[in-house]
Amino acid sequence: VLHRIAAGIVPYPFNLASVVSSNPDLYGPFWICMTLVLTTALSGNISKFFSGSVKWDFHFHEVIVLLTCIYVYTICLPLGLWGLMVWRKVDGRYSLFQLLTVYGYSMSAFIPLTVISLVD
């Protein structure tokens, strides 16, 4: 899983599609998206807390919206790409499972960005 996360963050010398194509899984992408939701929600709340201009209050519905947006993006984009490849009859196309795995692991690049966004 760590090798796949590294391939999702650093495009060179890795090729995420070739790393994932032999043995795709959805375990890593699920937890990467959950971690992204957690770090985004935490950094947003910490930023509100330290700004001081707004009375800090946790809004759980924002986490639900964030969770929905991240998972819809992670599922619908590969699904649309797979449907386009089936419709255009692309030779040597990836399976839907492989595309979901690649897009899920590529979301790991956003986790450090949510932590870095606290510094403003």
PDB file of N, CA and C in Angstrom:
ATOM      1  N   VAL A   1       0.834  -1.193   0.000  1.00  0.00           N
ATOM      2  CA  VAL A   1       0.000   0.000   0.000  1.00  0.00           C
ATOM      3  C   VAL A   1       0.877   1.254   0.000  1.00  0.00           C
ATOM      4  N   LEU A   2       1.951   1.232   0.771  1.00  0.00           N
ATOM      5  CA  LEU A   2       2.837   2.402   0.806  1.00  0.00           C
ATOM      6  C   LEU A   2       3.504   2.658  -0.545  1.00  0.00           C
ATOM      7  N   HIS A   3       3.857   1.579  -1.241  1.00  0.00           N
ATOM      8  CA  HIS A   3       4.451   1.732  -2.569  1.00  0.00           C
ATOM      9  C   HIS A   3       3.438   2.356  -3.536  1.00  0.00           C
ATOM     10  N   ARG A   4       2.179   1.971  -3.426  1.00  0.00           N
ATOM     11  CA  ARG A   4       1.146   2.537  -4.292  1.00  0.00           C
ATOM     12  C   ARG A   4       0.852   3.993  -3.946  1.00  0.00           C
ATOM     13  N   ILE A   5       0.900   4.322  -2.660  1.00  0.00           N
ATOM     14  CA  ILE A   5       0.707   5.711  -2.260  1.00  0.00           C
ATOM     15  C   ILE A   5       1.848   6.568  -2.804  1.00  0.00           C
ATOM     16  N   ALA A   6       3.085   6.063  -2.709  1.00  0.00           N
ATOM     17  CA  ALA A   6       4.234   6.791  -3.254  1.00  0.00           C
ATOM     18  C   ALA A   6       4.101   6.960  -4.763  1.00  0.00           C
ATOM     19  N   ALA A   7       3.599   5.938  -5.441  1.00  0.00           N
ATOM     20  CA  ALA A   7       3.394   6.040  -6.886  1.00  0.00           C
ATOM     21  C   ALA A   7       2.276   7.017  -7.220  1.00  0.00           C
ATOM     22  N   GLY A   8       1.319   7.196  -6.318  1.00  0.00           N
ATOM     23  CA  GLY A   8       0.251   8.161  -6.548  1.00  0.00           C
ATOM     24  C   GLY A   8       0.697   9.590  -6.327  1.00  0.00           C
ATOM     25  N   ILE A   9       1.657   9.786  -5.440  1.00  0.00           N
ATOM     26  CA  ILE A   9       2.123  11.148  -5.133  1.00  0.00           C
ATOM     27  C   ILE A   9       3.242  11.575  -6.074  1.00  0.00           C
ATOM     28  N   VAL A  10       4.213  10.704  -6.298  1.00  0.00           N
ATOM     29  CA  VAL A  10       5.384  11.029  -7.118  1.00  0.00           C
ATOM     30  C   VAL A  10       5.246  10.325  -8.468  1.00  0.00           C
ATOM     31  N   PRO A  11       5.009  11.061  -9.536  1.00  0.00           N
ATOM     32  CA  PRO A  11       4.784  10.409 -10.822  1.00  0.00           C
ATOM     33  C   PRO A  11       6.035   9.800 -11.450  1.00  0.00           C
ATOM     34  N   TYR A  12       7.207  10.272 -11.070  1.00  0.00           N
ATOM     35  CA  TYR A  12       8.436   9.739 -11.641  1.00  0.00           C
ATOM     36  C   TYR A  12       9.293   9.229 -10.505  1.00  0.00           C
ATOM     37  N   PRO A  13       9.836   8.100 -10.512  1.00  0.00           N
ATOM     38  CA  PRO A  13      10.035   7.082 -11.527  1.00  0.00           C
ATOM     39  C   PRO A  13       8.937   6.023 -11.543  1.00  0.00           C
ATOM     40  N   PHE A  14       7.855   6.245 -10.795  1.00  0.00           N
ATOM     41  CA  PHE A  14       6.773   5.263 -10.733  1.00  0.00           C
ATOM     42  C   PHE A  14       5.758   5.494 -11.840  1.00  0.00           C
ATOM     43  N   ASN A  15       5.022   4.454 -12.145  1.00  0.00           N
ATOM     44  CA  ASN A  15       3.875   4.549 -13.024  1.00  0.00           C
ATOM     45  C   ASN A  15       2.739   3.855 -12.285  1.00  0.00           C
ATOM     46  N   LEU A  16       1.814   4.621 -11.728  1.00  0.00           N
ATOM     47  CA  LEU A  16       0.772   4.076 -10.869  1.00  0.00           C
ATOM     48  C   LEU A  16      -0.075   3.040 -11.589  1.00  0.00           C
ATOM     49  N   ALA A  17      -0.365   3.263 -12.852  1.00  0.00           N
ATOM     50  CA  ALA A  17      -1.189   2.303 -13.593  1.00  0.00           C
ATOM     51  C   ALA A  17      -0.500   0.953 -13.701  1.00  0.00           C
ATOM     52  N   SER A  18       0.804   0.932 -13.913  1.00  0.00           N
ATOM     53  CA  SER A  18       1.505  -0.354 -14.006  1.00  0.00           C
ATOM     54  C   SER A  18       1.673  -1.003 -12.637  1.00  0.00           C
ATOM     55  N   VAL A  19       1.779  -0.190 -11.580  1.00  0.00           N
ATOM     56  CA  VAL A  19       1.891  -0.734 -10.224  1.00  0.00           C
ATOM     57  C   VAL A  19       0.579  -1.384  -9.809  1.00  0.00           C
ATOM     58  N   VAL A  20      -0.530  -0.780 -10.198  1.00  0.00           N
ATOM     59  CA  VAL A  20      -1.849  -1.249  -9.770  1.00  0.00           C
ATOM     60  C   VAL A  20      -2.399  -2.338 -10.676  1.00  0.00           C
ATOM     61  N   SER A  21      -2.044  -2.364 -11.930  1.00  0.00           N
ATOM     62  CA  SER A  21      -2.696  -3.240 -12.902  1.00  0.00           C
ATOM     63  C   SER A  21      -2.601  -4.724 -12.560  1.00  0.00           C
ATOM     64  N   SER A  22      -1.550  -5.137 -11.894  1.00  0.00           N
ATOM     65  CA  SER A  22      -1.410  -6.565 -11.600  1.00  0.00           C
ATOM     66  C   SER A  22      -2.313  -7.022 -10.460  1.00  0.00           C
ATOM     67  N   ASN A  23      -2.575  -6.167  -9.486  1.00  0.00           N
ATOM     68  CA  ASN A  23      -3.357  -6.568  -8.324  1.00  0.00           C
ATOM     69  C   ASN A  23      -4.129  -5.362  -7.768  1.00  0.00           C
ATOM     70  N   PRO A  24      -5.234  -4.966  -8.407  1.00  0.00           N
ATOM     71  CA  PRO A  24      -5.978  -3.803  -7.909  1.00  0.00           C
ATOM     72  C   PRO A  24      -6.735  -4.128  -6.620  1.00  0.00           C
ATOM     73  N   ASP A  25      -6.901  -3.126  -5.774  1.00  0.00           N
ATOM     74  CA  ASP A  25      -7.667  -3.282  -4.545  1.00  0.00           C
ATOM     75  C   ASP A  25      -8.410  -1.991  -4.258  1.00  0.00           C
ATOM     76  N   LEU A  26      -9.403  -2.055  -3.401  1.00  0.00           N
ATOM     77  CA  LEU A  26     -10.130  -0.856  -3.008  1.00  0.00           C
ATOM     78  C   LEU A  26      -9.933  -0.530  -1.539  1.00  0.00           C
ATOM     79  N   TYR A  27      -9.127  -1.303  -0.839  1.00  0.00           N
ATOM     80  CA  TYR A  27      -8.863  -1.069   0.574  1.00  0.00           C
ATOM     81  C   TYR A  27      -8.092   0.242   0.774  1.00  0.00           C
ATOM     82  N   GLY A  28      -7.001   0.386   0.066  1.00  0.00           N
ATOM     83  CA  GLY A  28      -6.192   1.596   0.177  1.00  0.00           C
ATOM     84  C   GLY A  28      -6.937   2.844  -0.254  1.00  0.00           C
ATOM     85  N   PRO A  29      -7.596   2.845  -1.429  1.00  0.00           N
ATOM     86  CA  PRO A  29      -8.333   4.043  -1.841  1.00  0.00           C
ATOM     87  C   PRO A  29      -9.450   4.445  -0.877  1.00  0.00           C
ATOM     88  N   PHE A  30     -10.125   3.473  -0.272  1.00  0.00           N
ATOM     89  CA  PHE A  30     -11.170   3.803   0.697  1.00  0.00           C
ATOM     90  C   PHE A  30     -10.588   4.569   1.877  1.00  0.00           C
ATOM     91  N   TRP A  31      -9.483   4.064   2.428  1.00  0.00           N
ATOM     92  CA  TRP A  31      -8.890   4.714   3.595  1.00  0.00           C
ATOM     93  C   TRP A  31      -8.178   6.005   3.238  1.00  0.00           C
ATOM     94  N   ILE A  32      -7.678   6.120   2.036  1.00  0.00           N
ATOM     95  CA  ILE A  32      -7.082   7.383   1.598  1.00  0.00           C
ATOM     96  C   ILE A  32      -8.153   8.460   1.514  1.00  0.00           C
ATOM     97  N   CYS A  33      -9.307   8.127   0.965  1.00  0.00           N
ATOM     98  CA  CYS A  33     -10.389   9.111   0.878  1.00  0.00           C
ATOM     99  C   CYS A  33     -10.918   9.471   2.265  1.00  0.00           C
ATOM    100  N   MET A  34     -11.007   8.506   3.172  1.00  0.00           N
ATOM    101  CA  MET A  34     -11.448   8.808   4.537  1.00  0.00           C
ATOM    102  C   MET A  34     -10.442   9.703   5.249  1.00  0.00           C
ATOM    103  N   THR A  35      -9.156   9.438   5.037  1.00  0.00           N
ATOM    104  CA  THR A  35      -8.117  10.281   5.630  1.00  0.00           C
ATOM    105  C   THR A  35      -8.167  11.689   5.051  1.00  0.00           C
ATOM    106  N   LEU A  36      -8.442  11.795   3.760  1.00  0.00           N
ATOM    107  CA  LEU A  36      -8.568  13.111   3.130  1.00  0.00           C
ATOM    108  C   LEU A  36      -9.747  13.880   3.713  1.00  0.00           C
ATOM    109  N   VAL A  37     -10.858  13.211   3.940  1.00  0.00           N
ATOM    110  CA  VAL A  37     -12.015  13.862   4.562  1.00  0.00           C
ATOM    111  C   VAL A  37     -11.652  14.336   5.958  1.00  0.00           C
ATOM    112  N   LEU A  38     -10.989  13.487   6.732  1.00  0.00           N
ATOM    113  CA  LEU A  38     -10.616  13.834   8.102  1.00  0.00           C
ATOM    114  C   LEU A  38      -9.648  15.012   8.148  1.00  0.00           C
ATOM    115  N   THR A  39      -8.602  14.975   7.346  1.00  0.00           N
ATOM    116  CA  THR A  39      -7.616  16.056   7.376  1.00  0.00           C
ATOM    117  C   THR A  39      -8.200  17.369   6.859  1.00  0.00           C
ATOM    118  N   THR A  40      -9.079  17.303   5.871  1.00  0.00           N
ATOM    119  CA  THR A  40      -9.707  18.517   5.362  1.00  0.00           C
ATOM    120  C   THR A  40     -10.630  19.130   6.407  1.00  0.00           C
ATOM    121  N   ALA A  41     -11.425  18.298   7.059  1.00  0.00           N
ATOM    122  CA  ALA A  41     -12.332  18.800   8.095  1.00  0.00           C
ATOM    123  C   ALA A  41     -11.545  19.362   9.278  1.00  0.00           C
ATOM    124  N   LEU A  42     -10.506  18.657   9.691  1.00  0.00           N
ATOM    125  CA  LEU A  42      -9.702  19.139  10.815  1.00  0.00           C
ATOM    126  C   LEU A  42      -8.988  20.441  10.494  1.00  0.00           C
ATOM    127  N   SER A  43      -8.391  20.520   9.334  1.00  0.00           N
ATOM    128  CA  SER A  43      -7.666  21.749   9.000  1.00  0.00           C
ATOM    129  C   SER A  43      -8.623  22.922   8.825  1.00  0.00           C
ATOM    130  N   GLY A  44      -9.824  22.679   8.315  1.00  0.00           N
ATOM    131  CA  GLY A  44     -10.809  23.752   8.204  1.00  0.00           C
ATOM    132  C   GLY A  44     -11.265  24.244   9.562  1.00  0.00           C
ATOM    133  N   ASN A  45     -11.498  23.306  10.489  1.00  0.00           N
ATOM    134  CA  ASN A  45     -11.935  23.704  11.826  1.00  0.00           C
ATOM    135  C   ASN A  45     -10.814  24.372  12.625  1.00  0.00           C
ATOM    136  N   ILE A  46      -9.597  23.879  12.478  1.00  0.00           N
ATOM    137  CA  ILE A  46      -8.463  24.497  13.163  1.00  0.00           C
ATOM    138  C   ILE A  46      -8.229  25.909  12.625  1.00  0.00           C
ATOM    139  N   SER A  47      -8.376  26.073  11.328  1.00  0.00           N
ATOM    140  CA  SER A  47      -8.212  27.392  10.724  1.00  0.00           C
ATOM    141  C   SER A  47      -9.276  28.370  11.236  1.00  0.00           C
ATOM    142  N   LYS A  48     -10.528  27.903  11.352  1.00  0.00           N
ATOM    143  CA  LYS A  48     -11.593  28.748  11.902  1.00  0.00           C
ATOM    144  C   LYS A  48     -11.308  29.102  13.356  1.00  0.00           C
ATOM    145  N   PHE A  49     -10.794  28.139  14.110  1.00  0.00           N
ATOM    146  CA  PHE A  49     -10.516  28.360  15.523  1.00  0.00           C
ATOM    147  C   PHE A  49      -9.435  29.410  15.730  1.00  0.00           C
ATOM    148  N   PHE A  50      -8.365  29.337  14.943  1.00  0.00           N
ATOM    149  CA  PHE A  50      -7.255  30.272  15.106  1.00  0.00           C
ATOM    150  C   PHE A  50      -7.492  31.623  14.446  1.00  0.00           C
ATOM    151  N   SER A  51      -8.477  31.729  13.580  1.00  0.00           N
ATOM    152  CA  SER A  51      -8.745  33.023  12.952  1.00  0.00           C
ATOM    153  C   SER A  51      -9.283  34.012  13.968  1.00  0.00           C
ATOM    154  N   GLY A  52     -10.059  33.544  14.933  1.00  0.00           N
ATOM    155  CA  GLY A  52     -10.538  34.395  16.009  1.00  0.00           C
ATOM    156  C   GLY A  52     -11.684  35.306  15.636  1.00  0.00           C
ATOM    157  N   SER A  53     -11.913  35.524  14.365  1.00  0.00           N
ATOM    158  CA  SER A  53     -12.985  36.439  13.966  1.00  0.00           C
ATOM    159  C   SER A  53     -14.360  35.769  14.034  1.00  0.00           C
ATOM    160  N   VAL A  54     -14.382  34.482  13.944  1.00  0.00           N
ATOM    161  CA  VAL A  54     -15.638  33.739  13.948  1.00  0.00           C
ATOM    162  C   VAL A  54     -15.690  32.881  15.205  1.00  0.00           C
ATOM    163  N   LYS A  55     -16.853  32.864  15.852  1.00  0.00           N
ATOM    164  CA  LYS A  55     -17.018  31.981  17.000  1.00  0.00           C
ATOM    165  C   LYS A  55     -16.941  30.548  16.498  1.00  0.00           C
ATOM    166  N   TRP A  56     -16.029  29.794  17.068  1.00  0.00           N
ATOM    167  CA  TRP A  56     -15.791  28.443  16.578  1.00  0.00           C
ATOM    168  C   TRP A  56     -16.939  27.534  16.948  1.00  0.00           C
ATOM    169  N   ASP A  57     -17.432  26.819  15.960  1.00  0.00           N
ATOM    170  CA  ASP A  57     -18.499  25.854  16.159  1.00  0.00           C
ATOM    171  C   ASP A  57     -18.337  24.771  15.111  1.00  0.00           C
ATOM    172  N   PHE A  58     -18.430  23.537  15.543  1.00  0.00           N
ATOM    173  CA  PHE A  58     -18.255  22.420  14.616  1.00  0.00           C
ATOM    174  C   PHE A  58     -19.567  22.159  13.892  1.00  0.00           C
ATOM    175  N   HIS A  59     -19.528  22.107  12.572  1.00  0.00           N
ATOM    176  CA  HIS A  59     -20.707  21.837  11.753  1.00  0.00           C
ATOM    177  C   HIS A  59     -20.538  20.470  11.103  1.00  0.00           C
ATOM    178  N   PHE A  60     -21.272  19.495  11.640  1.00  0.00           N
ATOM    179  CA  PHE A  60     -21.127  18.133  11.152  1.00  0.00           C
ATOM    180  C   PHE A  60     -21.649  17.988   9.727  1.00  0.00           C
ATOM    181  N   HIS A  61     -22.632  18.783   9.334  1.00  0.00           N
ATOM    182  CA  HIS A  61     -23.173  18.665   7.982  1.00  0.00           C
ATOM    183  C   HIS A  61     -22.132  19.021   6.924  1.00  0.00           C
ATOM    184  N   GLU A  62     -21.170  19.864   7.259  1.00  0.00           N
ATOM    185  CA  GLU A  62     -20.100  20.179   6.315  1.00  0.00           C
ATOM    186  C   GLU A  62     -19.214  18.959   6.058  1.00  0.00           C
ATOM    187  N   VAL A  63     -19.031  18.128   7.075  1.00  0.00           N
ATOM    188  CA  VAL A  63     -18.245  16.905   6.909  1.00  0.00           C
ATOM    189  C   VAL A  63     -18.984  15.930   5.990  1.00  0.00           C
ATOM    190  N   ILE A  64     -20.294  15.861   6.138  1.00  0.00           N
ATOM    191  CA  ILE A  64     -21.088  14.985   5.274  1.00  0.00           C
ATOM    192  C   ILE A  64     -21.013  15.453   3.820  1.00  0.00           C
ATOM    193  N   VAL A  65     -21.093  16.763   3.602  1.00  0.00           N
ATOM    194  CA  VAL A  65     -20.980  17.304   2.243  1.00  0.00           C
ATOM    195  C   VAL A  65     -19.585  17.034   1.684  1.00  0.00           C
ATOM    196  N   LEU A  66     -18.559  17.213   2.493  1.00  0.00           N
ATOM    197  CA  LEU A  66     -17.182  16.953   2.082  1.00  0.00           C
ATOM    198  C   LEU A  66     -16.993  15.472   1.734  1.00  0.00           C
ATOM    199  N   LEU A  67     -17.505  14.598   2.570  1.00  0.00           N
ATOM    200  CA  LEU A  67     -17.422  13.158   2.327  1.00  0.00           C
ATOM    201  C   LEU A  67     -18.098  12.793   1.011  1.00  0.00           C
ATOM    202  N   THR A  68     -19.278  13.353   0.789  1.00  0.00           N
ATOM    203  CA  THR A  68     -20.016  13.068  -0.443  1.00  0.00           C
ATOM    204  C   THR A  68     -19.251  13.567  -1.668  1.00  0.00           C
ATOM    205  N   CYS A  69     -18.715  14.779  -1.595  1.00  0.00           N
ATOM    206  CA  CYS A  69     -17.992  15.344  -2.740  1.00  0.00           C
ATOM    207  C   CYS A  69     -16.755  14.519  -3.087  1.00  0.00           C
ATOM    208  N   ILE A  70     -15.995  14.131  -2.079  1.00  0.00           N
ATOM    209  CA  ILE A  70     -14.767  13.385  -2.341  1.00  0.00           C
ATOM    210  C   ILE A  70     -15.068  12.008  -2.913  1.00  0.00           C
ATOM    211  N   TYR A  71     -16.046  11.314  -2.348  1.00  0.00           N
ATOM    212  CA  TYR A  71     -16.361   9.980  -2.851  1.00  0.00           C
ATOM    213  C   TYR A  71     -17.051  10.011  -4.215  1.00  0.00           C
ATOM    214  N   VAL A  72     -17.885  11.001  -4.463  1.00  0.00           N
ATOM    215  CA  VAL A  72     -18.497  11.117  -5.786  1.00  0.00           C
ATOM    216  C   VAL A  72     -17.432  11.390  -6.835  1.00  0.00           C
ATOM    217  N   TYR A  73     -16.483  12.269  -6.518  1.00  0.00           N
ATOM    218  CA  TYR A  73     -15.384  12.546  -7.443  1.00  0.00           C
ATOM    219  C   TYR A  73     -14.538  11.297  -7.687  1.00  0.00           C
ATOM    220  N   THR A  74     -14.247  10.557  -6.617  1.00  0.00           N
ATOM    221  CA  THR A  74     -13.376   9.396  -6.734  1.00  0.00           C
ATOM    222  C   THR A  74     -14.058   8.237  -7.453  1.00  0.00           C
ATOM    223  N   ILE A  75     -15.381   8.177  -7.419  1.00  0.00           N
ATOM    224  CA  ILE A  75     -16.090   7.076  -8.065  1.00  0.00           C
ATOM    225  C   ILE A  75     -16.598   7.467  -9.451  1.00  0.00           C
ATOM    226  N   CYS A  76     -17.170   8.660  -9.592  1.00  0.00           N
ATOM    227  CA  CYS A  76     -17.803   9.031 -10.861  1.00  0.00           C
ATOM    228  C   CYS A  76     -16.808   9.332 -11.980  1.00  0.00           C
ATOM    229  N   LEU A  77     -15.672   9.911 -11.655  1.00  0.00           N
ATOM    230  CA  LEU A  77     -14.690  10.215 -12.694  1.00  0.00           C
ATOM    231  C   LEU A  77     -14.131   8.941 -13.345  1.00  0.00           C
ATOM    232  N   PRO A  78     -13.697   7.930 -12.571  1.00  0.00           N
ATOM    233  CA  PRO A  78     -13.264   6.687 -13.223  1.00  0.00           C
ATOM    234  C   PRO A  78     -14.407   5.969 -13.946  1.00  0.00           C
ATOM    235  N   LEU A  79     -15.610   6.058 -13.385  1.00  0.00           N
ATOM    236  CA  LEU A  79     -16.762   5.427 -14.035  1.00  0.00           C
ATOM    237  C   LEU A  79     -17.042   6.074 -15.383  1.00  0.00           C
ATOM    238  N   GLY A  80     -16.977   7.395 -15.458  1.00  0.00           N
ATOM    239  CA  GLY A  80     -17.164   8.089 -16.725  1.00  0.00           C
ATOM    240  C   GLY A  80     -16.059   7.788 -17.722  1.00  0.00           C
ATOM    241  N   LEU A  81     -14.817   7.723 -17.237  1.00  0.00           N
ATOM    242  CA  LEU A  81     -13.695   7.392 -18.118  1.00  0.00           C
ATOM    243  C   LEU A  81     -13.822   5.971 -18.649  1.00  0.00           C
ATOM    244  N   TRP A  82     -14.213   5.036 -17.781  1.00  0.00           N
ATOM    245  CA  TRP A  82     -14.407   3.649 -18.209  1.00  0.00           C
ATOM    246  C   TRP A  82     -15.540   3.555 -19.231  1.00  0.00           C
ATOM    247  N   GLY A  83     -16.645   4.284 -18.992  1.00  0.00           N
ATOM    248  CA  GLY A  83     -17.756   4.282 -19.946  1.00  0.00           C
ATOM    249  C   GLY A  83     -17.348   4.864 -21.289  1.00  0.00           C
ATOM    250  N   LEU A  84     -16.529   5.901 -21.275  1.00  0.00           N
ATOM    251  CA  LEU A  84     -16.033   6.482 -22.517  1.00  0.00           C
ATOM    252  C   LEU A  84     -15.145   5.496 -23.271  1.00  0.00           C
ATOM    253  N   MET A  85     -14.303   4.767 -22.544  1.00  0.00           N
ATOM    254  CA  MET A  85     -13.430   3.784 -23.197  1.00  0.00           C
ATOM    255  C   MET A  85     -14.243   2.623 -23.769  1.00  0.00           C
ATOM    256  N   VAL A  86     -15.304   2.211 -23.084  1.00  0.00           N
ATOM    257  CA  VAL A  86     -16.165   1.140 -23.605  1.00  0.00           C
ATOM    258  C   VAL A  86     -16.911   1.641 -24.835  1.00  0.00           C
ATOM    259  N   TRP A  87     -17.424   2.860 -24.771  1.00  0.00           N
ATOM    260  CA  TRP A  87     -18.176   3.420 -25.882  1.00  0.00           C
ATOM    261  C   TRP A  87     -17.303   3.597 -27.120  1.00  0.00           C
ATOM    262  N   ARG A  88     -16.059   4.039 -26.922  1.00  0.00           N
ATOM    263  CA  ARG A  88     -15.142   4.247 -28.043  1.00  0.00           C
ATOM    264  C   ARG A  88     -14.399   2.970 -28.445  1.00  0.00           C
ATOM    265  N   LYS A  89     -14.650   1.873 -27.717  1.00  0.00           N
ATOM    266  CA  LYS A  89     -14.025   0.567 -28.004  1.00  0.00           C
ATOM    267  C   LYS A  89     -12.500   0.654 -28.047  1.00  0.00           C
ATOM    268  N   VAL A  90     -11.928   1.198 -26.973  1.00  0.00           N
ATOM    269  CA  VAL A  90     -10.483   1.362 -26.863  1.00  0.00           C
ATOM    270  C   VAL A  90      -9.839   0.000 -26.634  1.00  0.00           C
ATOM    271  N   ASP A  91      -8.823  -0.307 -27.428  1.00  0.00           N
ATOM    272  CA  ASP A  91      -8.095  -1.564 -27.257  1.00  0.00           C
ATOM    273  C   ASP A  91      -7.194  -1.488 -26.037  1.00  0.00           C
ATOM    274  N   GLY A  92      -7.107  -2.569 -25.283  1.00  0.00           N
ATOM    275  CA  GLY A  92      -6.227  -2.627 -24.121  1.00  0.00           C
ATOM    276  C   GLY A  92      -6.665  -1.722 -23.000  1.00  0.00           C
ATOM    277  N   ARG A  93      -7.969  -1.499 -22.880  1.00  0.00           N
ATOM    278  CA  ARG A  93      -8.453  -0.580 -21.852  1.00  0.00           C
ATOM    279  C   ARG A  93      -8.335  -1.202 -20.468  1.00  0.00           C
ATOM    280  N   TYR A  94      -8.338  -0.337 -19.480  1.00  0.00           N
ATOM    281  CA  TYR A  94      -8.287  -0.775 -18.086  1.00  0.00           C
ATOM    282  C   TYR A  94      -9.689  -1.163 -17.633  1.00  0.00           C
ATOM    283  N   SER A  95      -9.749  -2.043 -16.660  1.00  0.00           N
ATOM    284  CA  SER A  95     -11.053  -2.406 -16.101  1.00  0.00           C
ATOM    285  C   SER A  95     -11.522  -1.291 -15.168  1.00  0.00           C
ATOM    286  N   LEU A  96     -12.804  -1.313 -14.848  1.00  0.00           N
ATOM    287  CA  LEU A  96     -13.350  -0.313 -13.934  1.00  0.00           C
ATOM    288  C   LEU A  96     -12.690  -0.426 -12.568  1.00  0.00           C
ATOM    289  N   PHE A  97     -12.423  -1.630 -12.137  1.00  0.00           N
ATOM    290  CA  PHE A  97     -11.774  -1.865 -10.848  1.00  0.00           C
ATOM    291  C   PHE A  97     -10.372  -1.251 -10.815  1.00  0.00           C
ATOM    292  N   GLN A  98      -9.616  -1.397 -11.901  1.00  0.00           N
ATOM    293  CA  GLN A  98      -8.280  -0.806 -11.982  1.00  0.00           C
ATOM    294  C   GLN A  98      -8.352   0.724 -11.984  1.00  0.00           C
ATOM    295  N   LEU A  99      -9.307   1.294 -12.688  1.00  0.00           N
ATOM    296  CA  LEU A  99      -9.443   2.750 -12.722  1.00  0.00           C
ATOM    297  C   LEU A  99      -9.841   3.311 -11.360  1.00  0.00           C
ATOM    298  N   LEU A 100     -10.740   2.621 -10.658  1.00  0.00           N
ATOM    299  CA  LEU A 100     -11.104   3.060  -9.310  1.00  0.00           C
ATOM    300  C   LEU A 100      -9.901   3.018  -8.376  1.00  0.00           C
ATOM    301  N   THR A 101      -9.071   1.998  -8.526  1.00  0.00           N
ATOM    302  CA  THR A 101      -7.877   1.876  -7.697  1.00  0.00           C
ATOM    303  C   THR A 101      -6.880   2.993  -8.003  1.00  0.00           C
ATOM    304  N   VAL A 102      -6.655   3.270  -9.270  1.00  0.00           N
ATOM    305  CA  VAL A 102      -5.706   4.317  -9.658  1.00  0.00           C
ATOM    306  C   VAL A 102      -6.183   5.682  -9.170  1.00  0.00           C
ATOM    307  N   TYR A 103      -7.444   6.004  -9.380  1.00  0.00           N
ATOM    308  CA  TYR A 103      -7.953   7.300  -8.929  1.00  0.00           C
ATOM    309  C   TYR A 103      -7.970   7.393  -7.406  1.00  0.00           C
ATOM    310  N   GLY A 104      -8.266   6.299  -6.733  1.00  0.00           N
ATOM    311  CA  GLY A 104      -8.255   6.313  -5.276  1.00  0.00           C
ATOM    312  C   GLY A 104      -6.873   6.565  -4.708  1.00  0.00           C
ATOM    313  N   TYR A 105      -5.868   5.890  -5.248  1.00  0.00           N
ATOM    314  CA  TYR A 105      -4.501   6.110  -4.763  1.00  0.00           C
ATOM    315  C   TYR A 105      -3.963   7.472  -5.162  1.00  0.00           C
ATOM    316  N   SER A 106      -4.426   8.028  -6.266  1.00  0.00           N
ATOM    317  CA  SER A 106      -3.943   9.348  -6.659  1.00  0.00           C
ATOM    318  C   SER A 106      -4.495  10.451  -5.755  1.00  0.00           C
ATOM    319  N   MET A 107      -5.552  10.167  -5.010  1.00  0.00           N
ATOM    320  CA  MET A 107      -6.089  11.149  -4.058  1.00  0.00           C
ATOM    321  C   MET A 107      -5.144  11.362  -2.876  1.00  0.00           C
ATOM    322  N   SER A 108      -4.167  10.481  -2.700  1.00  0.00           N
ATOM    323  CA  SER A 108      -3.232  10.625  -1.581  1.00  0.00           C
ATOM    324  C   SER A 108      -2.359  11.875  -1.719  1.00  0.00           C
ATOM    325  N   ALA A 109      -2.259  12.427  -2.902  1.00  0.00           N
ATOM    326  CA  ALA A 109      -1.470  13.648  -3.090  1.00  0.00           C
ATOM    327  C   ALA A 109      -2.123  14.849  -2.419  1.00  0.00           C
ATOM    328  N   PHE A 110      -3.423  14.795  -2.168  1.00  0.00           N
ATOM    329  CA  PHE A 110      -4.126  15.925  -1.577  1.00  0.00           C
ATOM    330  C   PHE A 110      -4.020  15.962  -0.053  1.00  0.00           C
ATOM    331  N   ILE A 111      -3.645  14.869   0.585  1.00  0.00           N
ATOM    332  CA  ILE A 111      -3.581  14.823   2.047  1.00  0.00           C
ATOM    333  C   ILE A 111      -2.528  15.790   2.598  1.00  0.00           C
ATOM    334  N   PRO A 112      -1.291  15.801   2.089  1.00  0.00           N
ATOM    335  CA  PRO A 112      -0.332  16.790   2.599  1.00  0.00           C
ATOM    336  C   PRO A 112      -0.761  18.234   2.307  1.00  0.00           C
ATOM    337  N   LEU A 113      -1.490  18.438   1.225  1.00  0.00           N
ATOM    338  CA  LEU A 113      -1.933  19.797   0.897  1.00  0.00           C
ATOM    339  C   LEU A 113      -2.939  20.329   1.904  1.00  0.00           C
ATOM    340  N   THR A 114      -3.768  19.456   2.451  1.00  0.00           N
ATOM    341  CA  THR A 114      -4.725  19.931   3.460  1.00  0.00           C
ATOM    342  C   THR A 114      -4.020  20.338   4.739  1.00  0.00           C
ATOM    343  N   VAL A 115      -2.932  19.654   5.063  1.00  0.00           N
ATOM    344  CA  VAL A 115      -2.166  20.018   6.261  1.00  0.00           C
ATOM    345  C   VAL A 115      -1.396  21.313   6.001  1.00  0.00           C
ATOM    346  N   ILE A 116      -0.846  21.458   4.817  1.00  0.00           N
ATOM    347  CA  ILE A 116      -0.089  22.668   4.472  1.00  0.00           C
ATOM    348  C   ILE A 116      -1.015  23.884   4.411  1.00  0.00           C
ATOM    349  N   SER A 117      -2.286  23.665   4.103  1.00  0.00           N
ATOM    350  CA  SER A 117      -3.216  24.791   3.988  1.00  0.00           C
ATOM    351  C   SER A 117      -3.467  25.486   5.327  1.00  0.00           C
ATOM    352  N   LEU A 118      -3.054  24.886   6.437  1.00  0.00           N
ATOM    353  CA  LEU A 118      -3.195  25.544   7.729  1.00  0.00           C
ATOM    354  C   LEU A 118      -2.289  26.758   7.854  1.00  0.00           C
ATOM    355  N   VAL A 119      -1.182  26.755   7.142  1.00  0.00           N
ATOM    356  CA  VAL A 119      -0.222  27.857   7.230  1.00  0.00           C
ATOM    357  C   VAL A 119      -0.677  28.956   6.264  1.00  0.00           C
ATOM    358  N   ASP A 120      -1.293  29.969   6.814  1.00  0.00           N
ATOM    359  CA  ASP A 120      -1.686  31.104   5.967  1.00  0.00           C
ATOM    360  C   ASP A 120      -1.574  32.416   6.667  1.00  0.00           C
TER     361      ASP A 120
END
